Amino acid sequence: MPIIDDIDKRILAILQEDGRISNLDLSDKVGLSPSPCLRRLRNLEKDGLIDRYVAVLDQTKAGFPVSVFISVKLEKQLDTMLAEFENTVRLFPEVLECYLMTGSQDYHLRVVATDLAAYERFLKTKLTRLENIASIESSFALQQVKYTNKLPLL
């Protein structure tokens, strides 16, 4: 794991707020001249601390107001069956997140849909058709209280 100092942390914190900030403005905010700032930025990218740059969309305005959290229990937890489930779920664009879990459920998924009918189609035509599923439990989000993708670096 790369070692990052306080300046690197400030660079990363600022980029989490504004990934399109110019190097000149970034260097000004962290107190470096542009060349060393850009060098640090390139090292953070090379070391994999910066995975990618993206635009964060408003889920509802983009037409996906329904958020569903799904718990999936598999019949067996063999490595091959876990890999098969994971590889298939990665192909479903409705699944934004998927986590292998400890506890009574094997996976937790976050799924978005345009409406309840779209979620029902996803469930019936995709998720329930996977092999090795013992149970599926869906919970619908009523309101998003907090969402962030910013790590608490500072």
N, C-alpha and C. Protein backbone atom coordinates (compact mmCIF):
# COMPACT_ATOMS: atom_id res chain seq x y z
N MET A 1 0.85 -1.19 0.00
CA MET A 1 0.00 0.00 0.00
C MET A 1 0.89 1.24 0.00
N PRO A 2 0.61 2.17 -0.89
CA PRO A 2 1.43 3.39 -0.95
C PRO A 2 1.27 4.24 0.30
N ILE A 3 2.34 4.91 0.67
CA ILE A 3 2.30 5.83 1.81
C ILE A 3 1.91 7.20 1.29
N ILE A 4 0.89 7.78 1.92
CA ILE A 4 0.47 9.12 1.52
C ILE A 4 0.62 10.06 2.70
N ASP A 5 1.07 11.28 2.41
CA ASP A 5 1.25 12.27 3.47
C ASP A 5 0.05 13.22 3.50
N ASP A 6 0.13 14.24 4.33
CA ASP A 6 -0.99 15.17 4.49
C ASP A 6 -1.32 15.92 3.20
N ILE A 7 -0.30 16.25 2.41
CA ILE A 7 -0.56 16.96 1.15
C ILE A 7 -1.30 16.05 0.19
N ASP A 8 -0.88 14.78 0.10
CA ASP A 8 -1.60 13.82 -0.75
C ASP A 8 -3.05 13.68 -0.30
N LYS A 9 -3.26 13.63 1.01
CA LYS A 9 -4.62 13.52 1.53
C LYS A 9 -5.45 14.74 1.16
N ARG A 10 -4.85 15.93 1.21
CA ARG A 10 -5.58 17.14 0.82
C ARG A 10 -5.92 17.10 -0.67
N ILE A 11 -4.96 16.65 -1.49
CA ILE A 11 -5.22 16.52 -2.92
C ILE A 11 -6.40 15.58 -3.16
N LEU A 12 -6.37 14.43 -2.50
CA LEU A 12 -7.44 13.45 -2.68
C LEU A 12 -8.79 13.97 -2.17
N ALA A 13 -8.77 14.66 -1.03
CA ALA A 13 -10.02 15.21 -0.49
C ALA A 13 -10.63 16.23 -1.44
N ILE A 14 -9.79 17.09 -2.01
CA ILE A 14 -10.27 18.10 -2.95
C ILE A 14 -10.82 17.44 -4.21
N LEU A 15 -10.11 16.45 -4.71
CA LEU A 15 -10.56 15.75 -5.92
C LEU A 15 -11.88 15.00 -5.69
N GLN A 16 -12.11 14.53 -4.46
CA GLN A 16 -13.38 13.88 -4.17
C GLN A 16 -14.53 14.88 -4.24
N GLU A 17 -14.25 16.14 -3.98
CA GLU A 17 -15.26 17.19 -4.08
C GLU A 17 -15.43 17.66 -5.51
N ASP A 18 -14.31 17.76 -6.24
CA ASP A 18 -14.33 18.31 -7.60
C ASP A 18 -13.26 17.62 -8.44
N GLY A 19 -13.63 16.57 -9.13
CA GLY A 19 -12.69 15.82 -9.95
C GLY A 19 -12.26 16.54 -11.20
N ARG A 20 -12.92 17.65 -11.51
CA ARG A 20 -12.59 18.42 -12.72
C ARG A 20 -11.77 19.67 -12.41
N ILE A 21 -11.33 19.81 -11.18
CA ILE A 21 -10.55 20.99 -10.80
C ILE A 21 -9.27 21.03 -11.64
N SER A 22 -8.87 22.22 -12.03
CA SER A 22 -7.63 22.35 -12.81
C SER A 22 -6.43 22.13 -11.90
N ASN A 23 -5.34 21.72 -12.48
CA ASN A 23 -4.11 21.52 -11.69
C ASN A 23 -3.67 22.83 -11.05
N LEU A 24 -3.87 23.95 -11.73
CA LEU A 24 -3.50 25.25 -11.18
C LEU A 24 -4.29 25.55 -9.92
N ASP A 25 -5.62 25.34 -9.97
CA ASP A 25 -6.46 25.58 -8.79
C ASP A 25 -6.15 24.57 -7.68
N LEU A 26 -5.93 23.32 -8.07
CA LEU A 26 -5.59 22.29 -7.07
C LEU A 26 -4.28 22.64 -6.37
N SER A 27 -3.29 23.02 -7.14
CA SER A 27 -1.99 23.34 -6.54
C SER A 27 -2.11 24.53 -5.59
N ASP A 28 -2.94 25.50 -5.96
CA ASP A 28 -3.16 26.66 -5.10
C ASP A 28 -3.81 26.25 -3.79
N LYS A 29 -4.80 25.36 -3.86
CA LYS A 29 -5.52 24.94 -2.65
C LYS A 29 -4.66 24.11 -1.70
N VAL A 30 -3.69 23.36 -2.24
CA VAL A 30 -2.85 22.52 -1.37
C VAL A 30 -1.52 23.17 -1.03
N GLY A 31 -1.26 24.36 -1.61
CA GLY A 31 -0.05 25.10 -1.27
C GLY A 31 1.21 24.60 -1.95
N LEU A 32 1.08 24.09 -3.16
CA LEU A 32 2.23 23.66 -3.95
C LEU A 32 2.26 24.43 -5.25
N SER A 33 3.41 24.45 -5.89
CA SER A 33 3.44 24.99 -7.25
C SER A 33 2.87 23.92 -8.17
N PRO A 34 2.43 24.30 -9.37
CA PRO A 34 1.75 23.35 -10.27
C PRO A 34 2.54 22.09 -10.62
N SER A 35 3.83 22.20 -10.87
CA SER A 35 4.61 21.01 -11.28
C SER A 35 4.67 19.93 -10.20
N PRO A 36 5.05 20.27 -8.96
CA PRO A 36 5.04 19.22 -7.92
C PRO A 36 3.64 18.67 -7.64
N CYS A 37 2.63 19.53 -7.76
CA CYS A 37 1.25 19.08 -7.54
C CYS A 37 0.87 18.05 -8.60
N LEU A 38 1.18 18.35 -9.86
CA LEU A 38 0.86 17.42 -10.94
C LEU A 38 1.64 16.12 -10.78
N ARG A 39 2.88 16.21 -10.35
CA ARG A 39 3.70 15.02 -10.12
C ARG A 39 3.05 14.13 -9.04
N ARG A 40 2.61 14.75 -7.95
CA ARG A 40 1.94 14.00 -6.89
C ARG A 40 0.65 13.36 -7.41
N LEU A 41 -0.12 14.14 -8.17
CA LEU A 41 -1.37 13.63 -8.74
C LEU A 41 -1.11 12.41 -9.62
N ARG A 42 -0.11 12.50 -10.49
CA ARG A 42 0.22 11.37 -11.37
C ARG A 42 0.66 10.16 -10.56
N ASN A 43 1.40 10.38 -9.47
CA ASN A 43 1.81 9.26 -8.61
C ASN A 43 0.61 8.62 -7.91
N LEU A 44 -0.34 9.43 -7.48
CA LEU A 44 -1.56 8.89 -6.85
C LEU A 44 -2.36 8.06 -7.85
N GLU A 45 -2.39 8.51 -9.10
CA GLU A 45 -3.06 7.74 -10.16
C GLU A 45 -2.29 6.44 -10.43
N LYS A 46 -0.98 6.54 -10.58
CA LYS A 46 -0.13 5.38 -10.89
C LYS A 46 -0.21 4.33 -9.78
N ASP A 47 -0.25 4.80 -8.52
CA ASP A 47 -0.31 3.89 -7.37
C ASP A 47 -1.69 3.29 -7.16
N GLY A 48 -2.68 3.75 -7.92
CA GLY A 48 -4.02 3.19 -7.84
C GLY A 48 -4.90 3.80 -6.76
N LEU A 49 -4.41 4.81 -6.05
CA LEU A 49 -5.28 5.47 -5.06
C LEU A 49 -6.44 6.17 -5.75
N ILE A 50 -6.18 6.74 -6.91
CA ILE A 50 -7.25 7.29 -7.74
C ILE A 50 -7.59 6.21 -8.76
N ASP A 51 -8.75 5.64 -8.58
CA ASP A 51 -9.19 4.53 -9.43
C ASP A 51 -9.64 5.01 -10.80
N ARG A 52 -10.44 6.09 -10.82
CA ARG A 52 -10.96 6.65 -12.06
C ARG A 52 -11.66 7.97 -11.74
N TYR A 53 -11.95 8.71 -12.77
CA TYR A 53 -12.70 9.96 -12.65
C TYR A 53 -14.08 9.72 -13.26
N VAL A 54 -15.13 10.13 -12.53
CA VAL A 54 -16.49 9.90 -13.00
C VAL A 54 -17.37 11.10 -12.71
N ALA A 55 -18.51 11.14 -13.37
CA ALA A 55 -19.56 12.11 -13.04
C ALA A 55 -20.56 11.38 -12.16
N VAL A 56 -20.90 11.97 -11.03
CA VAL A 56 -21.89 11.38 -10.12
C VAL A 56 -23.25 11.92 -10.51
N LEU A 57 -24.14 11.04 -10.95
CA LEU A 57 -25.46 11.45 -11.42
C LEU A 57 -26.48 11.46 -10.29
N ASP A 58 -27.48 12.28 -10.44
CA ASP A 58 -28.62 12.26 -9.54
C ASP A 58 -29.49 11.09 -9.99
N GLN A 59 -29.60 10.09 -9.14
CA GLN A 59 -30.29 8.85 -9.49
C GLN A 59 -31.74 9.09 -9.92
N THR A 60 -32.46 9.90 -9.20
CA THR A 60 -33.87 10.15 -9.52
C THR A 60 -34.01 10.95 -10.81
N LYS A 61 -33.21 12.00 -10.97
CA LYS A 61 -33.29 12.82 -12.18
C LYS A 61 -32.86 12.03 -13.41
N ALA A 62 -32.02 11.02 -13.21
CA ALA A 62 -31.59 10.17 -14.32
C ALA A 62 -32.62 9.11 -14.67
N GLY A 63 -33.73 9.07 -13.90
CA GLY A 63 -34.83 8.16 -14.23
C GLY A 63 -34.84 6.85 -13.46
N PHE A 64 -34.11 6.79 -12.35
CA PHE A 64 -34.07 5.56 -11.55
C PHE A 64 -34.44 5.87 -10.09
N PRO A 65 -35.70 6.22 -9.83
CA PRO A 65 -36.09 6.62 -8.48
C PRO A 65 -36.21 5.48 -7.47
N VAL A 66 -36.23 4.24 -7.95
CA VAL A 66 -36.43 3.10 -7.05
C VAL A 66 -35.08 2.49 -6.68
N SER A 67 -34.81 2.43 -5.37
CA SER A 67 -33.62 1.76 -4.85
C SER A 67 -34.06 0.55 -4.05
N VAL A 68 -33.46 -0.59 -4.35
CA VAL A 68 -33.81 -1.82 -3.65
C VAL A 68 -32.53 -2.45 -3.10
N PHE A 69 -32.58 -2.85 -1.86
CA PHE A 69 -31.48 -3.57 -1.24
C PHE A 69 -31.90 -5.03 -1.14
N ILE A 70 -31.08 -5.89 -1.69
CA ILE A 70 -31.45 -7.30 -1.80
C ILE A 70 -30.43 -8.15 -1.05
N SER A 71 -30.95 -9.04 -0.21
CA SER A 71 -30.12 -10.04 0.46
C SER A 71 -30.32 -11.36 -0.25
N VAL A 72 -29.22 -12.00 -0.60
CA VAL A 72 -29.27 -13.27 -1.32
C VAL A 72 -28.54 -14.32 -0.50
N LYS A 73 -29.20 -15.45 -0.32
CA LYS A 73 -28.56 -16.61 0.32
C LYS A 73 -28.44 -17.69 -0.74
N LEU A 74 -27.26 -18.26 -0.85
CA LEU A 74 -27.02 -19.34 -1.80
C LEU A 74 -27.26 -20.69 -1.12
N GLU A 75 -27.57 -21.69 -1.93
CA GLU A 75 -27.75 -23.04 -1.39
C GLU A 75 -26.42 -23.60 -0.90
N LYS A 76 -25.34 -23.36 -1.65
CA LYS A 76 -24.00 -23.81 -1.29
C LYS A 76 -23.02 -22.67 -1.52
N GLN A 77 -21.97 -22.62 -0.70
CA GLN A 77 -20.99 -21.56 -0.82
C GLN A 77 -19.64 -22.09 -1.33
N LEU A 78 -19.69 -22.94 -2.32
CA LEU A 78 -18.46 -23.43 -2.93
C LEU A 78 -17.82 -22.31 -3.74
N ASP A 79 -16.50 -22.31 -3.82
CA ASP A 79 -15.79 -21.25 -4.54
C ASP A 79 -16.31 -21.08 -5.96
N THR A 80 -16.56 -22.18 -6.64
CA THR A 80 -17.02 -22.10 -8.03
C THR A 80 -18.41 -21.47 -8.11
N MET A 81 -19.26 -21.78 -7.15
CA MET A 81 -20.62 -21.24 -7.15
C MET A 81 -20.63 -19.76 -6.78
N LEU A 82 -19.76 -19.37 -5.84
CA LEU A 82 -19.62 -17.96 -5.50
C LEU A 82 -19.14 -17.17 -6.72
N ALA A 83 -18.13 -17.69 -7.39
CA ALA A 83 -17.57 -17.02 -8.57
C ALA A 83 -18.61 -16.92 -9.68
N GLU A 84 -19.39 -17.96 -9.87
CA GLU A 84 -20.43 -17.94 -10.91
C GLU A 84 -21.47 -16.87 -10.62
N PHE A 85 -21.91 -16.80 -9.36
CA PHE A 85 -22.88 -15.77 -8.97
C PHE A 85 -22.29 -14.38 -9.21
N GLU A 86 -21.09 -14.16 -8.73
CA GLU A 86 -20.45 -12.84 -8.84
C GLU A 86 -20.25 -12.44 -10.29
N ASN A 87 -19.77 -13.35 -11.10
CA ASN A 87 -19.54 -13.04 -12.51
C ASN A 87 -20.83 -12.70 -13.24
N THR A 88 -21.91 -13.38 -12.90
CA THR A 88 -23.19 -13.10 -13.54
C THR A 88 -23.76 -11.77 -13.08
N VAL A 89 -23.72 -11.51 -11.78
CA VAL A 89 -24.28 -10.26 -11.23
C VAL A 89 -23.52 -9.05 -11.78
N ARG A 90 -22.23 -9.19 -12.04
CA ARG A 90 -21.46 -8.08 -12.62
C ARG A 90 -22.02 -7.65 -13.99
N LEU A 91 -22.71 -8.54 -14.66
CA LEU A 91 -23.26 -8.25 -15.99
C LEU A 91 -24.60 -7.51 -15.94
N PHE A 92 -25.23 -7.46 -14.78
CA PHE A 92 -26.55 -6.83 -14.64
C PHE A 92 -26.37 -5.32 -14.40
N PRO A 93 -26.75 -4.47 -15.35
CA PRO A 93 -26.55 -3.03 -15.16
C PRO A 93 -27.38 -2.44 -14.02
N GLU A 94 -28.46 -3.10 -13.64
CA GLU A 94 -29.31 -2.62 -12.54
C GLU A 94 -28.60 -2.73 -11.19
N VAL A 95 -27.64 -3.63 -11.09
CA VAL A 95 -26.91 -3.83 -9.83
C VAL A 95 -25.77 -2.84 -9.76
N LEU A 96 -25.88 -1.88 -8.85
CA LEU A 96 -24.83 -0.88 -8.69
C LEU A 96 -23.75 -1.33 -7.72
N GLU A 97 -24.13 -2.14 -6.75
CA GLU A 97 -23.17 -2.63 -5.76
C GLU A 97 -23.52 -4.06 -5.40
N CYS A 98 -22.50 -4.85 -5.10
CA CYS A 98 -22.69 -6.22 -4.66
C CYS A 98 -21.57 -6.56 -3.69
N TYR A 99 -21.94 -7.05 -2.52
CA TYR A 99 -20.97 -7.36 -1.48
C TYR A 99 -21.14 -8.81 -1.01
N LEU A 100 -20.05 -9.52 -0.90
CA LEU A 100 -20.02 -10.83 -0.24
C LEU A 100 -20.01 -10.54 1.25
N MET A 101 -20.91 -11.19 1.99
CA MET A 101 -21.13 -10.82 3.39
C MET A 101 -20.80 -11.97 4.34
N THR A 102 -20.60 -11.61 5.60
CA THR A 102 -20.61 -12.58 6.69
C THR A 102 -22.04 -12.62 7.21
N GLY A 103 -22.33 -13.58 8.06
CA GLY A 103 -23.66 -13.64 8.66
C GLY A 103 -24.59 -14.58 7.92
N SER A 104 -25.88 -14.35 8.09
CA SER A 104 -26.88 -15.30 7.58
C SER A 104 -27.11 -15.19 6.07
N GLN A 105 -26.78 -14.06 5.47
CA GLN A 105 -26.95 -13.88 4.03
C GLN A 105 -25.58 -13.88 3.36
N ASP A 106 -25.51 -14.38 2.14
CA ASP A 106 -24.23 -14.45 1.45
C ASP A 106 -23.88 -13.16 0.72
N TYR A 107 -24.87 -12.50 0.12
CA TYR A 107 -24.63 -11.29 -0.66
C TYR A 107 -25.66 -10.22 -0.34
N HIS A 108 -25.22 -8.97 -0.42
CA HIS A 108 -26.12 -7.83 -0.38
C HIS A 108 -25.90 -7.04 -1.66
N LEU A 109 -26.99 -6.70 -2.33
CA LEU A 109 -26.94 -5.97 -3.58
C LEU A 109 -27.71 -4.67 -3.45
N ARG A 110 -27.24 -3.66 -4.14
CA ARG A 110 -28.02 -2.43 -4.30
C ARG A 110 -28.41 -2.35 -5.76
N VAL A 111 -29.72 -2.31 -5.99
CA VAL A 111 -30.27 -2.34 -7.34
C VAL A 111 -31.11 -1.08 -7.54
N VAL A 112 -31.05 -0.52 -8.74
CA VAL A 112 -31.92 0.61 -9.08
C VAL A 112 -32.87 0.21 -10.19
N ALA A 113 -34.02 0.88 -10.21
CA ALA A 113 -35.03 0.59 -11.24
C ALA A 113 -35.82 1.86 -11.54
N THR A 114 -36.41 1.86 -12.71
CA THR A 114 -37.23 3.01 -13.11
C THR A 114 -38.57 3.03 -12.37
N ASP A 115 -39.07 1.85 -12.02
CA ASP A 115 -40.33 1.74 -11.29
C ASP A 115 -40.45 0.32 -10.75
N LEU A 116 -41.55 0.03 -10.06
CA LEU A 116 -41.73 -1.30 -9.46
C LEU A 116 -41.84 -2.39 -10.53
N ALA A 117 -42.46 -2.07 -11.65
CA ALA A 117 -42.58 -3.06 -12.73
C ALA A 117 -41.20 -3.43 -13.28
N ALA A 118 -40.34 -2.45 -13.41
CA ALA A 118 -38.98 -2.72 -13.89
C ALA A 118 -38.22 -3.59 -12.89
N TYR A 119 -38.41 -3.32 -11.60
CA TYR A 119 -37.75 -4.15 -10.59
C TYR A 119 -38.30 -5.59 -10.66
N GLU A 120 -39.61 -5.72 -10.80
CA GLU A 120 -40.21 -7.05 -10.91
C GLU A 120 -39.63 -7.81 -12.11
N ARG A 121 -39.48 -7.12 -13.24
CA ARG A 121 -38.86 -7.76 -14.42
C ARG A 121 -37.43 -8.20 -14.13
N PHE A 122 -36.67 -7.34 -13.48
CA PHE A 122 -35.29 -7.70 -13.11
C PHE A 122 -35.29 -8.95 -12.24
N LEU A 123 -36.15 -8.96 -11.25
CA LEU A 123 -36.22 -10.09 -10.32
C LEU A 123 -36.61 -11.38 -11.04
N LYS A 124 -37.67 -11.31 -11.86
CA LYS A 124 -38.19 -12.52 -12.51
C LYS A 124 -37.34 -13.01 -13.67
N THR A 125 -36.74 -12.09 -14.43
CA THR A 125 -36.02 -12.51 -15.63
C THR A 125 -34.52 -12.66 -15.43
N LYS A 126 -34.01 -12.14 -14.33
CA LYS A 126 -32.56 -12.21 -14.12
C LYS A 126 -32.20 -12.91 -12.80
N LEU A 127 -32.52 -12.27 -11.69
CA LEU A 127 -32.00 -12.74 -10.40
C LEU A 127 -32.54 -14.12 -10.02
N THR A 128 -33.84 -14.33 -10.15
CA THR A 128 -34.40 -15.62 -9.73
C THR A 128 -34.02 -16.77 -10.66
N ARG A 129 -33.49 -16.44 -11.83
CA ARG A 129 -33.09 -17.48 -12.78
C ARG A 129 -31.66 -17.99 -12.55
N LEU A 130 -30.97 -17.39 -11.61
CA LEU A 130 -29.61 -17.85 -11.33
C LEU A 130 -29.64 -19.17 -10.57
N GLU A 131 -28.69 -20.01 -10.86
CA GLU A 131 -28.57 -21.30 -10.16
C GLU A 131 -28.09 -21.05 -8.73
N ASN A 132 -28.38 -22.00 -7.86
CA ASN A 132 -27.81 -22.03 -6.51
C ASN A 132 -28.39 -20.97 -5.57
N ILE A 133 -29.53 -20.38 -5.88
CA ILE A 133 -30.15 -19.38 -5.00
C ILE A 133 -31.10 -20.09 -4.04
N ALA A 134 -30.87 -19.88 -2.76
CA ALA A 134 -31.77 -20.46 -1.75
C ALA A 134 -32.87 -19.48 -1.37
N SER A 135 -32.50 -18.19 -1.24
CA SER A 135 -33.52 -17.19 -0.89
C SER A 135 -33.09 -15.81 -1.35
N ILE A 136 -34.12 -14.98 -1.59
CA ILE A 136 -33.92 -13.59 -1.97
C ILE A 136 -34.87 -12.76 -1.12
N GLU A 137 -34.33 -11.73 -0.46
CA GLU A 137 -35.16 -10.81 0.32
C GLU A 137 -34.92 -9.40 -0.17
N SER A 138 -35.99 -8.71 -0.52
CA SER A 138 -35.88 -7.35 -1.04
C SER A 138 -36.39 -6.35 -0.02
N SER A 139 -35.67 -5.24 0.12
CA SER A 139 -36.10 -4.12 0.96
C SER A 139 -36.03 -2.86 0.11
N PHE A 140 -37.14 -2.12 0.06
CA PHE A 140 -37.20 -0.91 -0.75
C PHE A 140 -36.84 0.29 0.10
N ALA A 141 -35.97 1.13 -0.43
CA ALA A 141 -35.60 2.37 0.25
C ALA A 141 -36.74 3.36 0.10
N LEU A 142 -37.17 3.95 1.19
CA LEU A 142 -38.23 4.96 1.15
C LEU A 142 -37.65 6.34 0.93
N GLN A 143 -36.48 6.59 1.51
CA GLN A 143 -35.85 7.90 1.39
C GLN A 143 -34.35 7.74 1.57
N GLN A 144 -33.58 8.45 0.77
CA GLN A 144 -32.13 8.45 0.93
C GLN A 144 -31.78 9.54 1.94
N VAL A 145 -31.26 9.13 3.08
CA VAL A 145 -30.92 10.07 4.13
C VAL A 145 -29.51 10.61 3.93
N LYS A 146 -28.60 9.75 3.51
CA LYS A 146 -27.23 10.17 3.25
C LYS A 146 -26.65 9.30 2.16
N TYR A 147 -25.91 9.94 1.26
CA TYR A 147 -25.14 9.22 0.26
C TYR A 147 -23.85 9.98 0.03
N THR A 148 -22.76 9.29 0.06
CA THR A 148 -21.49 9.89 -0.29
C THR A 148 -20.58 8.82 -0.86
N ASN A 149 -19.67 9.24 -1.68
CA ASN A 149 -18.63 8.34 -2.14
C ASN A 149 -17.27 8.91 -1.74
N LYS A 150 -17.29 9.84 -0.80
CA LYS A 150 -16.07 10.49 -0.33
C LYS A 150 -15.53 9.78 0.90
N LEU A 151 -14.29 9.34 0.83
CA LEU A 151 -13.65 8.72 1.99
C LEU A 151 -13.23 9.81 2.97
N PRO A 152 -13.33 9.55 4.28
CA PRO A 152 -12.99 10.56 5.29
C PRO A 152 -11.48 10.67 5.50
N LEU A 153 -10.78 11.28 4.55
CA LEU A 153 -9.33 11.34 4.58
C LEU A 153 -8.79 12.35 5.58
N LEU A 154 -9.49 13.43 5.78
CA LEU A 154 -8.99 14.51 6.65
C LEU A 154 -9.73 14.56 7.97
